Amino acid sequence: MWSQALILIAAFLAGIALGGFYFWALWRSVRKLAKEQRAQSIMLGYFFRLGVVLAGFFLIMDGQWERLVSALLGFLLIRGIMVRKWGPVTRSAG
């Protein structure tokens, strides 16, 4: 019982790490997009990010859907945190 709980906690933490990597890299790509003349490098970055995250979820899951759900919850948690931190800046009209 405890070993299963520890595995799910580890999957959750791994999901946080994957989300941190994915959304940090996305943030950097969007910031570079305005300066970049060629969008090819930005698209290669997208495919790299996506590949790393999908491979990470596949390895975490190891054939058990409970691990995948736990990792996805961690991924979504870090997404919410990063959206609050780096979300759109609201400017006053005054």
N, C-alpha and C. Protein backbone atom coordinates (compact mmCIF):
# COMPACT_ATOMS: atom_id res chain seq x y z
N MET A 1 0.82 -1.19 0.00
CA MET A 1 0.00 0.00 0.00
C MET A 1 0.87 1.26 0.00
N TRP A 2 1.85 1.32 0.92
CA TRP A 2 2.70 2.49 0.98
C TRP A 2 3.56 2.62 -0.28
N SER A 3 4.00 1.50 -0.81
CA SER A 3 4.84 1.59 -2.00
C SER A 3 4.05 2.15 -3.18
N GLN A 4 2.78 1.78 -3.30
CA GLN A 4 1.94 2.32 -4.38
C GLN A 4 1.72 3.82 -4.18
N ALA A 5 1.51 4.24 -2.95
CA ALA A 5 1.33 5.67 -2.67
C ALA A 5 2.61 6.44 -2.99
N LEU A 6 3.75 5.88 -2.64
CA LEU A 6 5.02 6.56 -2.94
C LEU A 6 5.26 6.66 -4.43
N ILE A 7 4.88 5.63 -5.16
CA ILE A 7 5.02 5.66 -6.62
C ILE A 7 4.14 6.75 -7.22
N LEU A 8 2.92 6.90 -6.71
CA LEU A 8 2.02 7.93 -7.22
C LEU A 8 2.53 9.33 -6.86
N ILE A 9 3.11 9.47 -5.67
CA ILE A 9 3.70 10.76 -5.29
C ILE A 9 4.88 11.08 -6.20
N ALA A 10 5.70 10.08 -6.47
CA ALA A 10 6.84 10.28 -7.37
C ALA A 10 6.36 10.65 -8.77
N ALA A 11 5.29 10.02 -9.25
CA ALA A 11 4.73 10.35 -10.56
C ALA A 11 4.21 11.78 -10.57
N PHE A 12 3.57 12.20 -9.48
CA PHE A 12 3.07 13.56 -9.36
C PHE A 12 4.22 14.56 -9.43
N LEU A 13 5.30 14.29 -8.70
CA LEU A 13 6.47 15.17 -8.71
C LEU A 13 7.14 15.19 -10.08
N ALA A 14 7.17 14.04 -10.74
CA ALA A 14 7.72 13.99 -12.09
C ALA A 14 6.86 14.80 -13.06
N GLY A 15 5.55 14.76 -12.86
CA GLY A 15 4.64 15.58 -13.68
C GLY A 15 4.89 17.06 -13.46
N ILE A 16 5.18 17.44 -12.21
CA ILE A 16 5.53 18.84 -11.93
C ILE A 16 6.81 19.21 -12.66
N ALA A 17 7.79 18.32 -12.64
CA ALA A 17 9.06 18.60 -13.33
C ALA A 17 8.84 18.71 -14.84
N LEU A 18 8.05 17.81 -15.41
CA LEU A 18 7.78 17.88 -16.85
C LEU A 18 7.04 19.17 -17.19
N GLY A 19 6.06 19.52 -16.38
CA GLY A 19 5.32 20.76 -16.61
C GLY A 19 6.21 21.98 -16.49
N GLY A 20 7.09 21.96 -15.50
CA GLY A 20 8.02 23.08 -15.34
C GLY A 20 8.90 23.25 -16.55
N PHE A 21 9.43 22.14 -17.04
CA PHE A 21 10.25 22.19 -18.26
C PHE A 21 9.44 22.69 -19.45
N TYR A 22 8.26 22.11 -19.66
CA TYR A 22 7.47 22.43 -20.84
C TYR A 22 7.05 23.90 -20.86
N PHE A 23 6.50 24.39 -19.75
CA PHE A 23 5.98 25.75 -19.75
C PHE A 23 7.08 26.80 -19.65
N TRP A 24 8.21 26.45 -19.02
CA TRP A 24 9.35 27.37 -19.01
C TRP A 24 9.89 27.52 -20.44
N ALA A 25 10.05 26.40 -21.14
CA ALA A 25 10.55 26.45 -22.52
C ALA A 25 9.55 27.16 -23.43
N LEU A 26 8.27 26.97 -23.21
CA LEU A 26 7.25 27.66 -24.00
C LEU A 26 7.34 29.16 -23.77
N TRP A 27 7.50 29.57 -22.53
CA TRP A 27 7.60 30.98 -22.19
C TRP A 27 8.81 31.62 -22.89
N ARG A 28 9.94 30.90 -22.85
CA ARG A 28 11.14 31.41 -23.51
C ARG A 28 10.94 31.51 -25.02
N SER A 29 10.26 30.54 -25.60
CA SER A 29 10.01 30.55 -27.05
C SER A 29 9.13 31.73 -27.45
N VAL A 30 8.10 31.98 -26.68
CA VAL A 30 7.20 33.09 -27.00
C VAL A 30 7.93 34.42 -26.88
N ARG A 31 8.78 34.54 -25.88
CA ARG A 31 9.56 35.78 -25.74
C ARG A 31 10.53 35.97 -26.91
N LYS A 32 11.09 34.89 -27.42
CA LYS A 32 12.02 34.98 -28.54
C LYS A 32 11.30 35.18 -29.87
N LEU A 33 10.03 34.84 -29.93
CA LEU A 33 9.28 34.88 -31.18
C LEU A 33 9.26 36.28 -31.79
N ALA A 34 9.15 37.30 -30.96
CA ALA A 34 9.10 38.67 -31.48
C ALA A 34 10.43 39.08 -32.11
N LYS A 35 11.53 38.53 -31.62
CA LYS A 35 12.85 38.90 -32.11
C LYS A 35 13.34 38.01 -33.25
N GLU A 36 12.80 36.82 -33.35
CA GLU A 36 13.28 35.82 -34.30
C GLU A 36 12.73 36.09 -35.70
N GLN A 37 13.61 36.07 -36.67
CA GLN A 37 13.21 36.27 -38.06
C GLN A 37 12.70 34.97 -38.69
N ARG A 38 13.26 33.85 -38.25
CA ARG A 38 12.87 32.56 -38.82
C ARG A 38 12.07 31.77 -37.78
N ALA A 39 10.89 31.37 -38.15
CA ALA A 39 10.03 30.63 -37.23
C ALA A 39 10.38 29.14 -37.19
N GLN A 40 11.27 28.68 -38.07
CA GLN A 40 11.62 27.26 -38.10
C GLN A 40 12.24 26.82 -36.78
N SER A 41 13.11 27.63 -36.23
CA SER A 41 13.76 27.26 -34.97
C SER A 41 12.74 27.20 -33.83
N ILE A 42 11.75 28.07 -33.87
CA ILE A 42 10.70 28.06 -32.85
C ILE A 42 9.89 26.77 -32.98
N MET A 43 9.58 26.36 -34.21
CA MET A 43 8.82 25.13 -34.42
C MET A 43 9.62 23.90 -34.01
N LEU A 44 10.92 23.90 -34.26
CA LEU A 44 11.75 22.78 -33.81
C LEU A 44 11.75 22.70 -32.30
N GLY A 45 11.77 23.84 -31.65
CA GLY A 45 11.67 23.88 -30.19
C GLY A 45 10.36 23.30 -29.70
N TYR A 46 9.28 23.60 -30.43
CA TYR A 46 7.97 23.05 -30.07
C TYR A 46 7.98 21.53 -30.14
N PHE A 47 8.50 20.99 -31.23
CA PHE A 47 8.52 19.54 -31.37
C PHE A 47 9.44 18.88 -30.34
N PHE A 48 10.53 19.54 -30.00
CA PHE A 48 11.43 19.02 -28.97
C PHE A 48 10.72 18.98 -27.62
N ARG A 49 10.08 20.10 -27.25
CA ARG A 49 9.34 20.16 -25.98
C ARG A 49 8.28 19.07 -25.92
N LEU A 50 7.51 18.98 -26.97
CA LEU A 50 6.43 18.01 -27.01
C LEU A 50 6.96 16.58 -26.92
N GLY A 51 8.04 16.30 -27.63
CA GLY A 51 8.63 14.97 -27.59
C GLY A 51 9.14 14.59 -26.21
N VAL A 52 9.80 15.54 -25.55
CA VAL A 52 10.32 15.28 -24.20
C VAL A 52 9.18 14.98 -23.24
N VAL A 53 8.13 15.79 -23.30
CA VAL A 53 7.01 15.61 -22.36
C VAL A 53 6.26 14.30 -22.65
N LEU A 54 6.01 13.99 -23.90
CA LEU A 54 5.31 12.75 -24.22
C LEU A 54 6.15 11.53 -23.83
N ALA A 55 7.44 11.57 -24.09
CA ALA A 55 8.30 10.46 -23.67
C ALA A 55 8.33 10.34 -22.15
N GLY A 56 8.37 11.48 -21.46
CA GLY A 56 8.35 11.46 -20.00
C GLY A 56 7.08 10.85 -19.46
N PHE A 57 5.93 11.23 -20.00
CA PHE A 57 4.67 10.64 -19.55
C PHE A 57 4.63 9.14 -19.84
N PHE A 58 5.14 8.75 -20.99
CA PHE A 58 5.16 7.34 -21.35
C PHE A 58 6.01 6.54 -20.36
N LEU A 59 7.18 7.07 -20.01
CA LEU A 59 8.06 6.37 -19.06
C LEU A 59 7.46 6.35 -17.66
N ILE A 60 6.86 7.45 -17.26
CA ILE A 60 6.24 7.50 -15.93
C ILE A 60 5.09 6.51 -15.84
N MET A 61 4.29 6.45 -16.88
CA MET A 61 3.09 5.62 -16.86
C MET A 61 3.44 4.14 -16.67
N ASP A 62 4.40 3.65 -17.41
CA ASP A 62 4.83 2.26 -17.31
C ASP A 62 3.65 1.28 -17.33
N GLY A 63 2.66 1.59 -18.17
CA GLY A 63 1.53 0.70 -18.35
C GLY A 63 0.43 0.80 -17.29
N GLN A 64 0.54 1.76 -16.37
CA GLN A 64 -0.47 1.92 -15.32
C GLN A 64 -1.08 3.30 -15.41
N TRP A 65 -2.38 3.34 -15.66
CA TRP A 65 -3.06 4.62 -15.88
C TRP A 65 -3.05 5.50 -14.63
N GLU A 66 -2.98 4.91 -13.45
CA GLU A 66 -2.98 5.70 -12.22
C GLU A 66 -1.75 6.62 -12.15
N ARG A 67 -0.62 6.11 -12.62
CA ARG A 67 0.60 6.91 -12.64
C ARG A 67 0.48 8.06 -13.62
N LEU A 68 -0.13 7.78 -14.76
CA LEU A 68 -0.32 8.83 -15.76
C LEU A 68 -1.22 9.93 -15.21
N VAL A 69 -2.31 9.56 -14.55
CA VAL A 69 -3.22 10.56 -13.98
C VAL A 69 -2.50 11.39 -12.93
N SER A 70 -1.71 10.75 -12.09
CA SER A 70 -0.97 11.47 -11.07
C SER A 70 0.02 12.46 -11.69
N ALA A 71 0.72 12.02 -12.73
CA ALA A 71 1.67 12.90 -13.42
C ALA A 71 0.94 14.05 -14.11
N LEU A 72 -0.20 13.78 -14.71
CA LEU A 72 -0.98 14.84 -15.36
C LEU A 72 -1.47 15.87 -14.36
N LEU A 73 -1.84 15.42 -13.17
CA LEU A 73 -2.26 16.37 -12.13
C LEU A 73 -1.11 17.29 -11.74
N GLY A 74 0.08 16.74 -11.61
CA GLY A 74 1.25 17.57 -11.33
C GLY A 74 1.53 18.54 -12.46
N PHE A 75 1.41 18.08 -13.68
CA PHE A 75 1.62 18.92 -14.87
C PHE A 75 0.63 20.08 -14.88
N LEU A 76 -0.64 19.79 -14.61
CA LEU A 76 -1.66 20.83 -14.60
C LEU A 76 -1.49 21.80 -13.43
N LEU A 77 -1.02 21.30 -12.31
CA LEU A 77 -0.77 22.17 -11.16
C LEU A 77 0.30 23.20 -11.50
N ILE A 78 1.39 22.75 -12.06
CA ILE A 78 2.47 23.69 -12.40
C ILE A 78 2.03 24.64 -13.51
N ARG A 79 1.16 24.18 -14.39
CA ARG A 79 0.62 25.06 -15.43
C ARG A 79 -0.15 26.21 -14.80
N GLY A 80 -1.01 25.88 -13.84
CA GLY A 80 -1.77 26.92 -13.17
C GLY A 80 -0.88 27.92 -12.44
N ILE A 81 0.15 27.42 -11.80
CA ILE A 81 1.08 28.30 -11.09
C ILE A 81 1.81 29.21 -12.07
N MET A 82 2.27 28.66 -13.17
CA MET A 82 3.01 29.46 -14.13
C MET A 82 2.12 30.46 -14.86
N VAL A 83 0.87 30.11 -15.11
CA VAL A 83 -0.04 31.07 -15.74
C VAL A 83 -0.26 32.25 -14.80
N ARG A 84 -0.39 31.99 -13.52
CA ARG A 84 -0.55 33.09 -12.57
C ARG A 84 0.72 33.94 -12.50
N LYS A 85 1.87 33.28 -12.58
CA LYS A 85 3.14 34.00 -12.47
C LYS A 85 3.46 34.79 -13.74
N TRP A 86 3.31 34.17 -14.90
CA TRP A 86 3.71 34.77 -16.17
C TRP A 86 2.53 35.11 -17.06
N GLY A 87 1.34 35.13 -16.51
CA GLY A 87 0.14 35.36 -17.32
C GLY A 87 0.14 36.73 -17.97
N PRO A 88 -0.93 37.02 -18.67
CA PRO A 88 -1.00 38.31 -19.36
C PRO A 88 -0.98 39.46 -18.36
N VAL A 89 -0.29 40.51 -18.75
CA VAL A 89 -0.21 41.70 -17.91
C VAL A 89 -1.42 42.57 -18.20
N THR A 90 -2.16 42.92 -17.18
CA THR A 90 -3.31 43.80 -17.36
C THR A 90 -2.85 45.23 -17.09
N ARG A 91 -3.22 46.10 -17.97
CA ARG A 91 -2.82 47.50 -17.85
C ARG A 91 -4.07 48.35 -17.61
N SER A 92 -3.93 49.30 -16.76
CA SER A 92 -5.06 50.18 -16.48
C SER A 92 -5.24 51.15 -17.63
N ALA A 93 -6.48 51.53 -17.88
CA ALA A 93 -6.80 52.41 -19.01
C ALA A 93 -6.63 53.88 -18.65
N GLY A 94 -6.17 54.17 -17.45
CA GLY A 94 -6.10 55.55 -16.99
C GLY A 94 -4.85 56.16 -17.26
